[in-house]
């Protein structure tokens, strides 16, 4: 993170919304993979 601190802007939810709106063709596939980050929450 010290090498590229600009990535901290990803903490803002507007990046998530912009990505989904701009990439509607792959949005479902991406969300299916993003969900892997919370497997185990149950």
ModelCIF file with pLDDT and N, C-alpha, C, O atoms, coordinates in Angstrom:
data_MODEL
#
_entry.id   MODEL 
#
_entity.id                         1 
_entity.type                       polymer 
_entity.pdbx_number_of_molecules   1 
#
_entity_poly.entity_id                      1 
_entity_poly.type                           'polypeptide(L)' 
_entity_poly.nstd_linkage                   no 
_entity_poly.nstd_monomer                   no 
_entity_poly.pdbx_seq_one_letter_code       
;(UNK)(UNK)(UNK)(UNK)(UNK)(UNK)(UNK)(UNK)(UNK)(UNK)(UNK)(UNK)(UNK)(UNK)(UNK)(UNK)
(UNK)(UNK)(UNK)(UNK)(UNK)(UNK)(UNK)(UNK)(UNK)(UNK)(UNK)(UNK)(UNK)(UNK)(UNK)(UNK)
(UNK)(UNK)(UNK)(UNK)(UNK)(UNK)(UNK)(UNK)(UNK)(UNK)
;
_entity_poly.pdbx_seq_one_letter_code_can   XXXXXXXXXXXXXXXXXXXXXXXXXXXXXXXXXXXXXXXXXX 
_entity_poly.pdbx_strand_id                 A 
#
loop_
_entity_poly_seq.entity_id 
_entity_poly_seq.num 
_entity_poly_seq.mon_id 
_entity_poly_seq.hetero 
1 1  UNK n 
1 2  UNK n 
1 3  UNK n 
1 4  UNK n 
1 5  UNK n 
1 6  UNK n 
1 7  UNK n 
1 8  UNK n 
1 9  UNK n 
1 10 UNK n 
1 11 UNK n 
1 12 UNK n 
1 13 UNK n 
1 14 UNK n 
1 15 UNK n 
1 16 UNK n 
1 17 UNK n 
1 18 UNK n 
1 19 UNK n 
1 20 UNK n 
1 21 UNK n 
1 22 UNK n 
1 23 UNK n 
1 24 UNK n 
1 25 UNK n 
1 26 UNK n 
1 27 UNK n 
1 28 UNK n 
1 29 UNK n 
1 30 UNK n 
1 31 UNK n 
1 32 UNK n 
1 33 UNK n 
1 34 UNK n 
1 35 UNK n 
1 36 UNK n 
1 37 UNK n 
1 38 UNK n 
1 39 UNK n 
1 40 UNK n 
1 41 UNK n 
1 42 UNK n 
#
_struct_asym.id          A 
_struct_asym.entity_id   1 
#
loop_
_ma_qa_metric.id 
_ma_qa_metric.mode 
_ma_qa_metric.name 
_ma_qa_metric.software_group_id 
_ma_qa_metric.type 
1 global pLDDT . pLDDT 
2 local  pLDDT . pLDDT 
#
_ma_qa_metric_global.metric_id      1 
_ma_qa_metric_global.metric_value   91.38 
_ma_qa_metric_global.model_id       1 
_ma_qa_metric_global.ordinal_id     1 
#
loop_
_ma_qa_metric_local.label_asym_id 
_ma_qa_metric_local.label_comp_id 
_ma_qa_metric_local.label_seq_id 
_ma_qa_metric_local.metric_id 
_ma_qa_metric_local.metric_value 
_ma_qa_metric_local.model_id 
_ma_qa_metric_local.ordinal_id 
A UNK 1  2 93.00 1 1  
A UNK 2  2 92.00 1 2  
A UNK 3  2 91.00 1 3  
A UNK 4  2 93.00 1 4  
A UNK 5  2 94.00 1 5  
A UNK 6  2 95.00 1 6  
A UNK 7  2 95.00 1 7  
A UNK 8  2 95.00 1 8  
A UNK 9  2 95.00 1 9  
A UNK 10 2 95.00 1 10 
A UNK 11 2 95.00 1 11 
A UNK 12 2 95.00 1 12 
A UNK 13 2 95.00 1 13 
A UNK 14 2 95.00 1 14 
A UNK 15 2 95.00 1 15 
A UNK 16 2 95.00 1 16 
A UNK 17 2 95.00 1 17 
A UNK 18 2 94.00 1 18 
A UNK 19 2 94.00 1 19 
A UNK 20 2 93.00 1 20 
A UNK 21 2 93.00 1 21 
A UNK 22 2 92.00 1 22 
A UNK 23 2 91.00 1 23 
A UNK 24 2 89.00 1 24 
A UNK 25 2 87.00 1 25 
A UNK 26 2 90.00 1 26 
A UNK 27 2 91.00 1 27 
A UNK 28 2 89.00 1 28 
A UNK 29 2 88.00 1 29 
A UNK 30 2 92.00 1 30 
A UNK 31 2 92.00 1 31 
A UNK 32 2 87.00 1 32 
A UNK 33 2 88.00 1 33 
A UNK 34 2 92.00 1 34 
A UNK 35 2 90.00 1 35 
A UNK 36 2 87.00 1 36 
A UNK 37 2 92.00 1 37 
A UNK 38 2 91.00 1 38 
A UNK 39 2 84.00 1 39 
A UNK 40 2 81.00 1 40 
A UNK 41 2 86.00 1 41 
A UNK 42 2 82.00 1 42 
#
loop_
_atom_site.group_PDB 
_atom_site.id 
_atom_site.type_symbol 
_atom_site.label_atom_id 
_atom_site.label_alt_id 
_atom_site.label_comp_id 
_atom_site.label_asym_id 
_atom_site.label_entity_id 
_atom_site.label_seq_id 
_atom_site.pdbx_PDB_ins_code 
_atom_site.Cartn_x 
_atom_site.Cartn_y 
_atom_site.Cartn_z 
_atom_site.occupancy 
_atom_site.B_iso_or_equiv 
_atom_site.pdbx_formal_charge 
_atom_site.auth_seq_id 
_atom_site.auth_comp_id 
_atom_site.auth_asym_id 
_atom_site.auth_atom_id 
_atom_site.pdbx_PDB_model_num 
ATOM 1   N N  . UNK A 1 1  ? 0.820   -1.205  0.000   1.00 93.00 ? 1  UNK A N  1 
ATOM 2   C CA . UNK A 1 1  ? 0.000   0.000   0.000   1.00 93.00 ? 1  UNK A CA 1 
ATOM 3   C C  . UNK A 1 1  ? 0.860   1.264   0.000   1.00 93.00 ? 1  UNK A C  1 
ATOM 4   O O  . UNK A 1 1  ? 0.459   2.297   -0.536  1.00 93.00 ? 1  UNK A O  1 
ATOM 5   N N  . UNK A 1 2  ? 2.039   1.172   0.603   1.00 92.00 ? 2  UNK A N  1 
ATOM 6   C CA . UNK A 1 2  ? 2.946   2.321   0.628   1.00 92.00 ? 2  UNK A CA 1 
ATOM 7   C C  . UNK A 1 2  ? 3.460   2.666   -0.770  1.00 92.00 ? 2  UNK A C  1 
ATOM 8   O O  . UNK A 1 2  ? 3.845   3.808   -1.021  1.00 92.00 ? 2  UNK A O  1 
ATOM 9   N N  . UNK A 1 3  ? 3.468   1.682   -1.687  1.00 91.00 ? 3  UNK A N  1 
ATOM 10  C CA . UNK A 1 3  ? 3.956   1.918   -3.042  1.00 91.00 ? 3  UNK A CA 1 
ATOM 11  C C  . UNK A 1 3  ? 2.908   2.591   -3.924  1.00 91.00 ? 3  UNK A C  1 
ATOM 12  O O  . UNK A 1 3  ? 3.258   3.291   -4.874  1.00 91.00 ? 3  UNK A O  1 
ATOM 13  N N  . UNK A 1 4  ? 1.622   2.386   -3.619  1.00 93.00 ? 4  UNK A N  1 
ATOM 14  C CA . UNK A 1 4  ? 0.554   2.977   -4.434  1.00 93.00 ? 4  UNK A CA 1 
ATOM 15  C C  . UNK A 1 4  ? -0.601  3.373   -3.520  1.00 93.00 ? 4  UNK A C  1 
ATOM 16  O O  . UNK A 1 4  ? -1.653  2.736   -3.556  1.00 93.00 ? 4  UNK A O  1 
ATOM 17  N N  . UNK A 1 5  ? -0.428  4.409   -2.705  1.00 94.00 ? 5  UNK A N  1 
ATOM 18  C CA . UNK A 1 5  ? -1.469  4.796   -1.741  1.00 94.00 ? 5  UNK A CA 1 
ATOM 19  C C  . UNK A 1 5  ? -2.758  5.263   -2.393  1.00 94.00 ? 5  UNK A C  1 
ATOM 20  O O  . UNK A 1 5  ? -3.789  5.364   -1.727  1.00 94.00 ? 5  UNK A O  1 
ATOM 21  N N  . UNK A 1 6  ? -2.711  5.554   -3.705  1.00 95.00 ? 6  UNK A N  1 
ATOM 22  C CA . UNK A 1 6  ? -3.932  6.008   -4.375  1.00 95.00 ? 6  UNK A CA 1 
ATOM 23  C C  . UNK A 1 6  ? -5.029  4.946   -4.393  1.00 95.00 ? 6  UNK A C  1 
ATOM 24  O O  . UNK A 1 6  ? -6.196  5.261   -4.627  1.00 95.00 ? 6  UNK A O  1 
ATOM 25  N N  . UNK A 1 7  ? -4.655  3.685   -4.147  1.00 95.00 ? 7  UNK A N  1 
ATOM 26  C CA . UNK A 1 7  ? -5.650  2.619   -4.134  1.00 95.00 ? 7  UNK A CA 1 
ATOM 27  C C  . UNK A 1 7  ? -6.610  2.779   -2.956  1.00 95.00 ? 7  UNK A C  1 
ATOM 28  O O  . UNK A 1 7  ? -7.673  2.159   -2.940  1.00 95.00 ? 7  UNK A O  1 
ATOM 29  N N  . UNK A 1 8  ? -6.251  3.594   -1.980  1.00 95.00 ? 8  UNK A N  1 
ATOM 30  C CA . UNK A 1 8  ? -7.133  3.845   -0.833  1.00 95.00 ? 8  UNK A CA 1 
ATOM 31  C C  . UNK A 1 8  ? -8.468  4.457   -1.257  1.00 95.00 ? 8  UNK A C  1 
ATOM 32  O O  . UNK A 1 8  ? -9.455  4.375   -0.526  1.00 95.00 ? 8  UNK A O  1 
ATOM 33  N N  . UNK A 1 9  ? -8.491  5.074   -2.449  1.00 95.00 ? 9  UNK A N  1 
ATOM 34  C CA . UNK A 1 9  ? -9.756  5.644   -2.918  1.00 95.00 ? 9  UNK A CA 1 
ATOM 35  C C  . UNK A 1 9  ? -10.810 4.576   -3.156  1.00 95.00 ? 9  UNK A C  1 
ATOM 36  O O  . UNK A 1 9  ? -11.997 4.885   -3.253  1.00 95.00 ? 9  UNK A O  1 
ATOM 37  N N  . UNK A 1 10 ? -10.373 3.285   -3.253  1.00 95.00 ? 10 UNK A N  1 
ATOM 38  C CA . UNK A 1 10 ? -11.328 2.189   -3.427  1.00 95.00 ? 10 UNK A CA 1 
ATOM 39  C C  . UNK A 1 10 ? -12.217 2.004   -2.207  1.00 95.00 ? 10 UNK A C  1 
ATOM 40  O O  . UNK A 1 10 ? -13.215 1.286   -2.278  1.00 95.00 ? 10 UNK A O  1 
ATOM 41  N N  . UNK A 1 11 ? -11.874 2.636   -1.087  1.00 95.00 ? 11 UNK A N  1 
ATOM 42  C CA . UNK A 1 11 ? -12.728 2.575   0.097   1.00 95.00 ? 11 UNK A CA 1 
ATOM 43  C C  . UNK A 1 11 ? -14.062 3.278   -0.141  1.00 95.00 ? 11 UNK A C  1 
ATOM 44  O O  . UNK A 1 11 ? -15.032 3.029   0.575   1.00 95.00 ? 11 UNK A O  1 
ATOM 45  N N  . UNK A 1 12 ? -14.114 4.146   -1.131  1.00 95.00 ? 12 UNK A N  1 
ATOM 46  C CA . UNK A 1 12 ? -15.364 4.847   -1.444  1.00 95.00 ? 12 UNK A CA 1 
ATOM 47  C C  . UNK A 1 12 ? -16.282 3.937   -2.252  1.00 95.00 ? 12 UNK A C  1 
ATOM 48  O O  . UNK A 1 12 ? -15.834 3.346   -3.234  1.00 95.00 ? 12 UNK A O  1 
ATOM 49  N N  . UNK A 1 13 ? -17.553 3.804   -1.872  1.00 95.00 ? 13 UNK A N  1 
ATOM 50  C CA . UNK A 1 13 ? -18.476 2.908   -2.597  1.00 95.00 ? 13 UNK A CA 1 
ATOM 51  C C  . UNK A 1 13 ? -18.807 3.381   -4.006  1.00 95.00 ? 13 UNK A C  1 
ATOM 52  O O  . UNK A 1 13 ? -19.349 2.611   -4.800  1.00 95.00 ? 13 UNK A O  1 
ATOM 53  N N  . UNK A 1 14 ? -18.491 4.637   -4.332  1.00 95.00 ? 14 UNK A N  1 
ATOM 54  C CA . UNK A 1 14 ? -18.861 5.112   -5.665  1.00 95.00 ? 14 UNK A CA 1 
ATOM 55  C C  . UNK A 1 14 ? -18.087 4.368   -6.755  1.00 95.00 ? 14 UNK A C  1 
ATOM 56  O O  . UNK A 1 14 ? -18.568 4.252   -7.882  1.00 95.00 ? 14 UNK A O  1 
ATOM 57  N N  . UNK A 1 15 ? -16.883 3.859   -6.426  1.00 95.00 ? 15 UNK A N  1 
ATOM 58  C CA . UNK A 1 15 ? -16.129 3.072   -7.401  1.00 95.00 ? 15 UNK A CA 1 
ATOM 59  C C  . UNK A 1 15 ? -16.868 1.773   -7.733  1.00 95.00 ? 15 UNK A C  1 
ATOM 60  O O  . UNK A 1 15 ? -16.884 1.344   -8.887  1.00 95.00 ? 15 UNK A O  1 
ATOM 61  N N  . UNK A 1 16 ? -17.479 1.145   -6.719  1.00 95.00 ? 16 UNK A N  1 
ATOM 62  C CA . UNK A 1 16 ? -18.232 -0.092  -6.950  1.00 95.00 ? 16 UNK A CA 1 
ATOM 63  C C  . UNK A 1 16 ? -19.429 0.170   -7.857  1.00 95.00 ? 16 UNK A C  1 
ATOM 64  O O  . UNK A 1 16 ? -19.687 -0.593  -8.788  1.00 95.00 ? 16 UNK A O  1 
ATOM 65  N N  . UNK A 1 17 ? -20.154 1.245   -7.583  1.00 95.00 ? 17 UNK A N  1 
ATOM 66  C CA . UNK A 1 17 ? -21.332 1.566   -8.392  1.00 95.00 ? 17 UNK A CA 1 
ATOM 67  C C  . UNK A 1 17 ? -20.934 1.927   -9.819  1.00 95.00 ? 17 UNK A C  1 
ATOM 68  O O  . UNK A 1 17 ? -21.579 1.487   -10.770 1.00 95.00 ? 17 UNK A O  1 
ATOM 69  N N  . UNK A 1 18 ? -19.892 2.715   -9.975  1.00 94.00 ? 18 UNK A N  1 
ATOM 70  C CA . UNK A 1 18 ? -19.440 3.091   -11.315 1.00 94.00 ? 18 UNK A CA 1 
ATOM 71  C C  . UNK A 1 18 ? -19.024 1.862   -12.119 1.00 94.00 ? 18 UNK A C  1 
ATOM 72  O O  . UNK A 1 18 ? -19.322 1.762   -13.309 1.00 94.00 ? 18 UNK A O  1 
ATOM 73  N N  . UNK A 1 19 ? -18.340 0.936   -11.469 1.00 94.00 ? 19 UNK A N  1 
ATOM 74  C CA . UNK A 1 19 ? -17.895 -0.268  -12.175 1.00 94.00 ? 19 UNK A CA 1 
ATOM 75  C C  . UNK A 1 19 ? -19.084 -1.089  -12.658 1.00 94.00 ? 19 UNK A C  1 
ATOM 76  O O  . UNK A 1 19 ? -19.099 -1.527  -13.808 1.00 94.00 ? 19 UNK A O  1 
ATOM 77  N N  . UNK A 1 20 ? -20.081 -1.306  -11.801 1.00 93.00 ? 20 UNK A N  1 
ATOM 78  C CA . UNK A 1 20 ? -21.247 -2.107  -12.184 1.00 93.00 ? 20 UNK A CA 1 
ATOM 79  C C  . UNK A 1 20 ? -22.015 -1.453  -13.326 1.00 93.00 ? 20 UNK A C  1 
ATOM 80  O O  . UNK A 1 20 ? -22.494 -2.146  -14.223 1.00 93.00 ? 20 UNK A O  1 
ATOM 81  N N  . UNK A 1 21 ? -22.139 -0.126  -13.305 1.00 93.00 ? 21 UNK A N  1 
ATOM 82  C CA . UNK A 1 21 ? -22.862 0.577   -14.367 1.00 93.00 ? 21 UNK A CA 1 
ATOM 83  C C  . UNK A 1 21 ? -22.090 0.558   -15.681 1.00 93.00 ? 21 UNK A C  1 
ATOM 84  O O  . UNK A 1 21 ? -22.689 0.490   -16.754 1.00 93.00 ? 21 UNK A O  1 
ATOM 85  N N  . UNK A 1 22 ? -20.768 0.616   -15.602 1.00 92.00 ? 22 UNK A N  1 
ATOM 86  C CA . UNK A 1 22 ? -19.950 0.672   -16.817 1.00 92.00 ? 22 UNK A CA 1 
ATOM 87  C C  . UNK A 1 22 ? -19.632 -0.708  -17.385 1.00 92.00 ? 22 UNK A C  1 
ATOM 88  O O  . UNK A 1 22 ? -19.201 -0.809  -18.533 1.00 92.00 ? 22 UNK A O  1 
ATOM 89  N N  . UNK A 1 23 ? -19.833 -1.765  -16.615 1.00 91.00 ? 23 UNK A N  1 
ATOM 90  C CA . UNK A 1 23 ? -19.498 -3.120  -17.059 1.00 91.00 ? 23 UNK A CA 1 
ATOM 91  C C  . UNK A 1 23 ? -20.684 -4.059  -16.839 1.00 91.00 ? 23 UNK A C  1 
ATOM 92  O O  . UNK A 1 23 ? -20.544 -5.114  -16.221 1.00 91.00 ? 23 UNK A O  1 
ATOM 93  N N  . UNK A 1 24 ? -21.837 -3.670  -17.344 1.00 89.00 ? 24 UNK A N  1 
ATOM 94  C CA . UNK A 1 24 ? -23.056 -4.449  -17.106 1.00 89.00 ? 24 UNK A CA 1 
ATOM 95  C C  . UNK A 1 24 ? -22.982 -5.842  -17.735 1.00 89.00 ? 24 UNK A C  1 
ATOM 96  O O  . UNK A 1 24 ? -23.630 -6.774  -17.260 1.00 89.00 ? 24 UNK A O  1 
ATOM 97  N N  . UNK A 1 25 ? -22.206 -5.980  -18.785 1.00 87.00 ? 25 UNK A N  1 
ATOM 98  C CA . UNK A 1 25 ? -22.116 -7.277  -19.453 1.00 87.00 ? 25 UNK A CA 1 
ATOM 99  C C  . UNK A 1 25 ? -21.447 -8.352  -18.608 1.00 87.00 ? 25 UNK A C  1 
ATOM 100 O O  . UNK A 1 25 ? -21.754 -9.536  -18.746 1.00 87.00 ? 25 UNK A O  1 
ATOM 101 N N  . UNK A 1 26 ? -20.528 -7.940  -17.732 1.00 90.00 ? 26 UNK A N  1 
ATOM 102 C CA . UNK A 1 26 ? -19.809 -8.923  -16.902 1.00 90.00 ? 26 UNK A CA 1 
ATOM 103 C C  . UNK A 1 26 ? -20.134 -8.743  -15.423 1.00 90.00 ? 26 UNK A C  1 
ATOM 104 O O  . UNK A 1 26 ? -19.497 -9.359  -14.569 1.00 90.00 ? 26 UNK A O  1 
ATOM 105 N N  . UNK A 1 27 ? -21.116 -7.907  -15.118 1.00 91.00 ? 27 UNK A N  1 
ATOM 106 C CA . UNK A 1 27 ? -21.406 -7.578  -13.718 1.00 91.00 ? 27 UNK A CA 1 
ATOM 107 C C  . UNK A 1 27 ? -21.758 -8.821  -12.902 1.00 91.00 ? 27 UNK A C  1 
ATOM 108 O O  . UNK A 1 27 ? -21.246 -9.006  -11.798 1.00 91.00 ? 27 UNK A O  1 
ATOM 109 N N  . UNK A 1 28 ? -22.639 -9.680  -13.448 1.00 89.00 ? 28 UNK A N  1 
ATOM 110 C CA . UNK A 1 28 ? -23.035 -10.872 -12.696 1.00 89.00 ? 28 UNK A CA 1 
ATOM 111 C C  . UNK A 1 28 ? -21.854 -11.799 -12.456 1.00 89.00 ? 28 UNK A C  1 
ATOM 112 O O  . UNK A 1 28 ? -21.694 -12.331 -11.357 1.00 89.00 ? 28 UNK A O  1 
ATOM 113 N N  . UNK A 1 29 ? -21.036 -11.996 -13.467 1.00 88.00 ? 29 UNK A N  1 
ATOM 114 C CA . UNK A 1 29 ? -19.871 -12.868 -13.312 1.00 88.00 ? 29 UNK A CA 1 
ATOM 115 C C  . UNK A 1 29 ? -18.908 -12.315 -12.268 1.00 88.00 ? 29 UNK A C  1 
ATOM 116 O O  . UNK A 1 29 ? -18.350 -13.067 -11.468 1.00 88.00 ? 29 UNK A O  1 
ATOM 117 N N  . UNK A 1 30 ? -18.716 -11.003 -12.280 1.00 92.00 ? 30 UNK A N  1 
ATOM 118 C CA . UNK A 1 30 ? -17.824 -10.378 -11.300 1.00 92.00 ? 30 UNK A CA 1 
ATOM 119 C C  . UNK A 1 30 ? -18.398 -10.521 -9.893  1.00 92.00 ? 30 UNK A C  1 
ATOM 120 O O  . UNK A 1 30 ? -17.671 -10.848 -8.955  1.00 92.00 ? 30 UNK A O  1 
ATOM 121 N N  . UNK A 1 31 ? -19.704 -10.277 -9.744  1.00 92.00 ? 31 UNK A N  1 
ATOM 122 C CA . UNK A 1 31 ? -20.326 -10.406 -8.423  1.00 92.00 ? 31 UNK A CA 1 
ATOM 123 C C  . UNK A 1 31 ? -20.235 -11.838 -7.901  1.00 92.00 ? 31 UNK A C  1 
ATOM 124 O O  . UNK A 1 31 ? -20.051 -12.064 -6.705  1.00 92.00 ? 31 UNK A O  1 
ATOM 125 N N  . UNK A 1 32 ? -20.368 -12.806 -8.818  1.00 87.00 ? 32 UNK A N  1 
ATOM 126 C CA . UNK A 1 32 ? -20.219 -14.198 -8.397  1.00 87.00 ? 32 UNK A CA 1 
ATOM 127 C C  . UNK A 1 32 ? -18.842 -14.484 -7.832  1.00 87.00 ? 32 UNK A C  1 
ATOM 128 O O  . UNK A 1 32 ? -18.700 -15.272 -6.897  1.00 87.00 ? 32 UNK A O  1 
ATOM 129 N N  . UNK A 1 33 ? -17.818 -13.841 -8.402  1.00 88.00 ? 33 UNK A N  1 
ATOM 130 C CA . UNK A 1 33 ? -16.455 -14.006 -7.894  1.00 88.00 ? 33 UNK A CA 1 
ATOM 131 C C  . UNK A 1 33 ? -16.201 -13.155 -6.657  1.00 88.00 ? 33 UNK A C  1 
ATOM 132 O O  . UNK A 1 33 ? -15.485 -13.580 -5.750  1.00 88.00 ? 33 UNK A O  1 
ATOM 133 N N  . UNK A 1 34 ? -16.777 -11.964 -6.611  1.00 92.00 ? 34 UNK A N  1 
ATOM 134 C CA . UNK A 1 34 ? -16.642 -11.113 -5.429  1.00 92.00 ? 34 UNK A CA 1 
ATOM 135 C C  . UNK A 1 34 ? -17.215 -11.814 -4.199  1.00 92.00 ? 34 UNK A C  1 
ATOM 136 O O  . UNK A 1 34 ? -16.705 -11.666 -3.089  1.00 92.00 ? 34 UNK A O  1 
ATOM 137 N N  . UNK A 1 35 ? -18.275 -12.574 -4.415  1.00 90.00 ? 35 UNK A N  1 
ATOM 138 C CA . UNK A 1 35 ? -18.910 -13.268 -3.291  1.00 90.00 ? 35 UNK A CA 1 
ATOM 139 C C  . UNK A 1 35 ? -17.963 -14.256 -2.616  1.00 90.00 ? 35 UNK A C  1 
ATOM 140 O O  . UNK A 1 35 ? -18.154 -14.604 -1.451  1.00 90.00 ? 35 UNK A O  1 
ATOM 141 N N  . UNK A 1 36 ? -16.938 -14.711 -3.349  1.00 87.00 ? 36 UNK A N  1 
ATOM 142 C CA . UNK A 1 36 ? -15.963 -15.617 -2.740  1.00 87.00 ? 36 UNK A CA 1 
ATOM 143 C C  . UNK A 1 36 ? -15.279 -14.973 -1.540  1.00 87.00 ? 36 UNK A C  1 
ATOM 144 O O  . UNK A 1 36 ? -14.748 -15.675 -0.680  1.00 87.00 ? 36 UNK A O  1 
ATOM 145 N N  . UNK A 1 37 ? -15.286 -13.651 -1.476  1.00 92.00 ? 37 UNK A N  1 
ATOM 146 C CA . UNK A 1 37 ? -14.637 -12.950 -0.359  1.00 92.00 ? 37 UNK A CA 1 
ATOM 147 C C  . UNK A 1 37 ? -15.396 -13.108 0.948   1.00 92.00 ? 37 UNK A C  1 
ATOM 148 O O  . UNK A 1 37 ? -14.830 -12.880 2.016   1.00 92.00 ? 37 UNK A O  1 
ATOM 149 N N  . UNK A 1 38 ? -16.678 -13.496 0.886   1.00 91.00 ? 38 UNK A N  1 
ATOM 150 C CA . UNK A 1 38 ? -17.467 -13.630 2.123   1.00 91.00 ? 38 UNK A CA 1 
ATOM 151 C C  . UNK A 1 38 ? -17.906 -15.063 2.381   1.00 91.00 ? 38 UNK A C  1 
ATOM 152 O O  . UNK A 1 38 ? -18.673 -15.304 3.314   1.00 91.00 ? 38 UNK A O  1 
ATOM 153 N N  . UNK A 1 39 ? -17.444 -16.027 1.581   1.00 84.00 ? 39 UNK A N  1 
ATOM 154 C CA . UNK A 1 39 ? -17.760 -17.418 1.901   1.00 84.00 ? 39 UNK A CA 1 
ATOM 155 C C  . UNK A 1 39 ? -17.118 -17.751 3.246   1.00 84.00 ? 39 UNK A C  1 
ATOM 156 O O  . UNK A 1 39 ? -15.943 -17.467 3.473   1.00 84.00 ? 39 UNK A O  1 
ATOM 157 N N  . UNK A 1 40 ? -17.882 -18.339 4.103   1.00 81.00 ? 40 UNK A N  1 
ATOM 158 C CA . UNK A 1 40 ? -17.430 -18.594 5.464   1.00 81.00 ? 40 UNK A CA 1 
ATOM 159 C C  . UNK A 1 40 ? -18.092 -17.679 6.471   1.00 81.00 ? 40 UNK A C  1 
ATOM 160 O O  . UNK A 1 40 ? -17.987 -17.906 7.677   1.00 81.00 ? 40 UNK A O  1 
ATOM 161 N N  . UNK A 1 41 ? -18.780 -16.635 5.993   1.00 86.00 ? 41 UNK A N  1 
ATOM 162 C CA . UNK A 1 41 ? -19.443 -15.710 6.918   1.00 86.00 ? 41 UNK A CA 1 
ATOM 163 C C  . UNK A 1 41 ? -20.567 -16.400 7.687   1.00 86.00 ? 41 UNK A C  1 
ATOM 164 O O  . UNK A 1 41 ? -20.828 -16.052 8.838   1.00 86.00 ? 41 UNK A O  1 
ATOM 165 N N  . UNK A 1 42 ? -21.235 -17.372 7.067   1.00 82.00 ? 42 UNK A N  1 
ATOM 166 C CA . UNK A 1 42 ? -22.328 -18.080 7.740   1.00 82.00 ? 42 UNK A CA 1 
ATOM 167 C C  . UNK A 1 42 ? -21.833 -18.807 8.991   1.00 82.00 ? 42 UNK A C  1 
ATOM 168 O O  . UNK A 1 42 ? -22.621 -19.455 9.680   1.00 82.00 ? 42 UNK A O  1 
#
